[in-house]
């Protein structure tokens, strides 16, 4: 559950200035004056941030958490289940990285980008409780259940229990793809 709160905030902080900052500093104009496509520019920034978060936010912390949990319960936790839950953590981070890229191409102010994404990261689960159809259409139930007494998807994966639905996982993937496509499309006509 802690990964579901702190890591998206880390992703937002890391990527808050990625597109807007590069446009304002002139880095984007300089890079795009070379034989680089705009799609490659967006995708390379996304890939670099995703790789960094995969290593530092998911794998290293996952190994530490796995070791601590196995020591605490005095039994080796099933590795595949734990890896599935870590995969969900990574998908959640990709959701926020792609959301930040999209917002960075839509707005000129990083304040708007952070002002939209940070409340979603912190309060997405509460939004699901207010608007129940979001339970199946967003990844906000990955780490915190929408309904009291229900298990989160990550907890279900880690413990081998059945998922209440795979639709949030599919929608998380589809939303990330849509956010990336919108970023690439919106960045095409950008003038520097």
Protein backbone atom coordinates (compact mmCIF):
# COMPACT_ATOMS: atom_id res chain seq x y z
CA UNK A 1 0.00 0.00 0.00
CA UNK A 2 2.89 2.33 0.77
CA UNK A 3 4.28 1.78 -2.75
CA UNK A 4 0.90 2.79 -4.16
CA UNK A 5 1.15 6.17 -2.47
CA UNK A 6 4.82 7.14 -2.36
CA UNK A 7 6.04 5.85 -5.72
CA UNK A 8 3.47 7.73 -7.85
CA UNK A 9 4.39 10.90 -5.98
CA UNK A 10 8.05 10.14 -6.76
CA UNK A 11 7.16 9.61 -10.42
CA UNK A 12 5.34 12.93 -10.48
CA UNK A 13 8.24 14.77 -8.85
CA UNK A 14 10.79 13.15 -11.17
CA UNK A 15 8.86 13.89 -14.34
CA UNK A 16 7.10 17.14 -13.42
CA UNK A 17 9.44 19.24 -15.46
CA UNK A 18 10.35 16.74 -18.14
CA UNK A 19 8.56 18.17 -21.17
CA UNK A 20 7.78 21.71 -20.00
CA UNK A 21 11.26 22.25 -18.56
CA UNK A 22 12.92 21.05 -21.73
CA UNK A 23 10.74 23.35 -23.83
CA UNK A 24 11.47 26.35 -21.59
CA UNK A 25 15.20 25.72 -21.30
CA UNK A 26 15.63 25.22 -25.03
CA UNK A 27 16.84 21.63 -24.68
CA UNK A 28 13.87 20.32 -26.67
CA UNK A 29 14.52 22.76 -29.52
CA UNK A 30 18.22 21.85 -29.55
CA UNK A 31 17.57 18.09 -29.55
CA UNK A 32 14.86 18.40 -32.20
CA UNK A 33 17.19 20.41 -34.46
CA UNK A 34 19.09 17.14 -34.88
CA UNK A 35 17.72 14.20 -36.90
CA UNK A 36 15.37 13.11 -34.09
CA UNK A 37 11.64 12.73 -34.45
CA UNK A 38 9.28 14.27 -31.95
CA UNK A 39 7.85 10.84 -31.14
CA UNK A 40 11.37 9.56 -30.40
CA UNK A 41 11.95 12.55 -28.13
CA UNK A 42 8.80 11.83 -26.07
CA UNK A 43 9.33 8.06 -26.01
CA UNK A 44 13.01 8.29 -25.07
CA UNK A 45 12.24 10.56 -22.12
CA UNK A 46 9.48 8.20 -21.03
CA UNK A 47 11.73 5.16 -21.43
CA UNK A 48 14.58 6.72 -19.46
CA UNK A 49 12.32 7.72 -16.57
CA UNK A 50 10.55 4.34 -16.62
CA UNK A 51 13.85 2.46 -16.50
CA UNK A 52 15.11 4.60 -13.63
CA UNK A 53 11.94 4.06 -11.62
CA UNK A 54 11.91 0.34 -12.44
CA UNK A 55 15.39 -0.10 -11.00
CA UNK A 56 15.23 2.27 -8.02
CA UNK A 57 11.54 2.32 -7.16
CA UNK A 58 10.48 -1.23 -7.99
CA UNK A 59 13.37 -3.70 -8.14
CA UNK A 60 15.69 -2.45 -5.40
CA UNK A 61 12.85 -1.66 -3.00
CA UNK A 62 11.10 -4.88 -4.00
CA UNK A 63 14.15 -7.00 -3.13
CA UNK A 64 14.46 -5.22 0.22
CA UNK A 65 10.73 -5.63 0.97
CA UNK A 66 10.77 -9.28 -0.13
CA UNK A 67 13.71 -9.99 2.17
CA UNK A 68 12.13 -8.18 5.12
CA UNK A 69 8.77 -9.90 4.67
CA UNK A 70 10.36 -13.35 4.31
CA UNK A 71 12.40 -12.79 7.47
CA UNK A 72 9.38 -11.48 9.38
CA UNK A 73 7.10 -14.39 8.46
CA UNK A 74 9.99 -16.90 8.76
CA UNK A 75 9.16 -18.49 5.44
CA UNK A 76 10.21 -17.65 1.88
CA UNK A 77 7.36 -15.79 0.21
CA UNK A 78 6.44 -17.28 -3.19
CA UNK A 79 8.60 -15.30 -5.64
CA UNK A 80 6.19 -15.38 -8.57
CA UNK A 81 3.36 -13.87 -6.52
CA UNK A 82 5.63 -11.14 -5.24
CA UNK A 83 6.89 -10.41 -8.77
CA UNK A 84 3.30 -10.13 -10.02
CA UNK A 85 2.58 -7.53 -7.32
CA UNK A 86 5.78 -5.67 -8.28
CA UNK A 87 4.62 -5.73 -11.90
CA UNK A 88 1.48 -3.96 -10.75
CA UNK A 89 3.61 -1.37 -8.96
CA UNK A 90 5.51 -0.77 -12.20
CA UNK A 91 2.31 -0.49 -14.24
CA UNK A 92 1.02 2.07 -11.73
CA UNK A 93 4.21 4.10 -12.15
CA UNK A 94 3.92 3.92 -15.94
CA UNK A 95 0.34 5.21 -15.62
CA UNK A 96 1.60 8.30 -13.78
CA UNK A 97 4.65 8.81 -16.01
CA UNK A 98 2.50 8.74 -19.14
CA UNK A 99 -0.11 10.98 -17.49
CA UNK A 100 2.63 13.49 -16.68
CA UNK A 101 3.96 13.40 -20.25
CA UNK A 102 0.49 13.99 -21.64
CA UNK A 103 -0.20 16.87 -19.26
CA UNK A 104 3.24 18.31 -20.05
CA UNK A 105 2.35 18.45 -23.74
CA UNK A 106 -1.11 19.90 -23.09
CA UNK A 107 -0.13 22.70 -20.69
CA UNK A 108 2.66 25.26 -20.56
CA UNK A 109 2.79 25.50 -16.76
CA UNK A 110 4.25 22.75 -14.62
CA UNK A 111 2.00 24.02 -11.81
CA UNK A 112 -1.03 22.80 -13.76
CA UNK A 113 0.63 19.49 -14.53
CA UNK A 114 1.45 18.84 -10.87
CA UNK A 115 -1.85 20.39 -9.73
CA UNK A 116 -3.78 17.81 -11.72
CA UNK A 117 -1.64 14.70 -11.22
CA UNK A 118 -0.70 15.02 -7.55
CA UNK A 119 -4.29 15.14 -6.24
CA UNK A 120 -5.07 12.13 -8.44
CA UNK A 121 -2.15 10.21 -6.94
CA UNK A 122 -3.08 11.11 -3.39
CA UNK A 123 -6.86 11.01 -3.66
CA UNK A 124 -7.58 8.63 -6.53
CA UNK A 125 -8.86 5.98 -4.16
CA UNK A 126 -11.25 8.44 -2.54
CA UNK A 127 -12.47 9.46 -5.98
CA UNK A 128 -13.25 5.79 -6.66
CA UNK A 129 -15.41 5.73 -3.55
CA UNK A 130 -17.35 8.77 -4.78
CA UNK A 131 -17.66 7.59 -8.39
CA UNK A 132 -17.89 3.76 -8.21
CA UNK A 133 -17.50 3.06 -11.96
CA UNK A 134 -13.90 4.33 -11.65
CA UNK A 135 -13.16 1.14 -9.67
CA UNK A 136 -13.08 -0.81 -12.92
CA UNK A 137 -11.83 1.90 -15.26
CA UNK A 138 -8.77 3.23 -13.42
CA UNK A 139 -5.72 1.74 -11.66
CA UNK A 140 -6.59 3.41 -8.34
CA UNK A 141 -7.66 0.10 -6.80
CA UNK A 142 -4.26 -1.51 -7.37
CA UNK A 143 -3.13 -0.89 -3.78
CA UNK A 144 -6.14 0.28 -1.82
CA UNK A 145 -9.53 -1.39 -2.04
CA UNK A 146 -12.44 0.78 -3.11
CA UNK A 147 -14.81 -0.94 -0.70
CA UNK A 148 -14.10 -1.79 2.93
CA UNK A 149 -13.56 -5.54 3.33
CA UNK A 150 -12.40 -5.99 -0.26
CA UNK A 151 -8.78 -6.75 -1.09
CA UNK A 152 -6.65 -4.57 -3.31
CA UNK A 153 -5.39 -6.09 -6.54
CA UNK A 154 -1.76 -6.06 -5.37
CA UNK A 155 -2.62 -7.83 -2.12
CA UNK A 156 -4.65 -10.42 -4.02
CA UNK A 157 -1.76 -11.05 -6.42
CA UNK A 158 0.84 -11.23 -3.65
CA UNK A 159 -1.21 -13.70 -1.59
CA UNK A 160 -2.49 -15.83 -4.46
CA UNK A 161 -6.13 -14.93 -3.92
CA UNK A 162 -8.48 -14.38 -6.85
CA UNK A 163 -8.69 -10.86 -8.27
CA UNK A 164 -12.02 -9.06 -8.05
CA UNK A 165 -11.42 -8.10 -11.69
CA UNK A 166 -8.63 -7.82 -14.26
CA UNK A 167 -10.34 -4.85 -15.92
CA UNK A 168 -8.44 -2.22 -13.85
CA UNK A 169 -5.15 -3.77 -15.01
CA UNK A 170 -6.27 -3.73 -18.63
CA UNK A 171 -7.57 -0.18 -18.31
CA UNK A 172 -4.28 0.91 -16.69
CA UNK A 173 -2.41 -0.41 -19.71
CA UNK A 174 -4.86 1.13 -22.18
CA UNK A 175 -4.85 4.51 -20.40
CA UNK A 176 -1.05 4.55 -20.44
CA UNK A 177 -1.02 3.80 -24.16
CA UNK A 178 -3.65 6.53 -24.75
CA UNK A 179 -1.70 9.06 -22.68
CA UNK A 180 1.45 8.28 -24.67
CA UNK A 181 -0.38 8.54 -28.00
CA UNK A 182 -1.89 11.89 -27.00
CA UNK A 183 1.56 13.11 -25.91
CA UNK A 184 3.12 12.19 -29.24
CA UNK A 185 0.18 13.62 -31.21
CA UNK A 186 0.10 16.87 -29.22
CA UNK A 187 3.87 17.36 -29.39
CA UNK A 188 3.98 17.09 -33.20
CA UNK A 189 2.90 20.67 -34.02
CA UNK A 190 4.77 22.20 -31.07
CA UNK A 191 6.87 25.23 -32.04
CA UNK A 192 9.98 26.29 -30.15
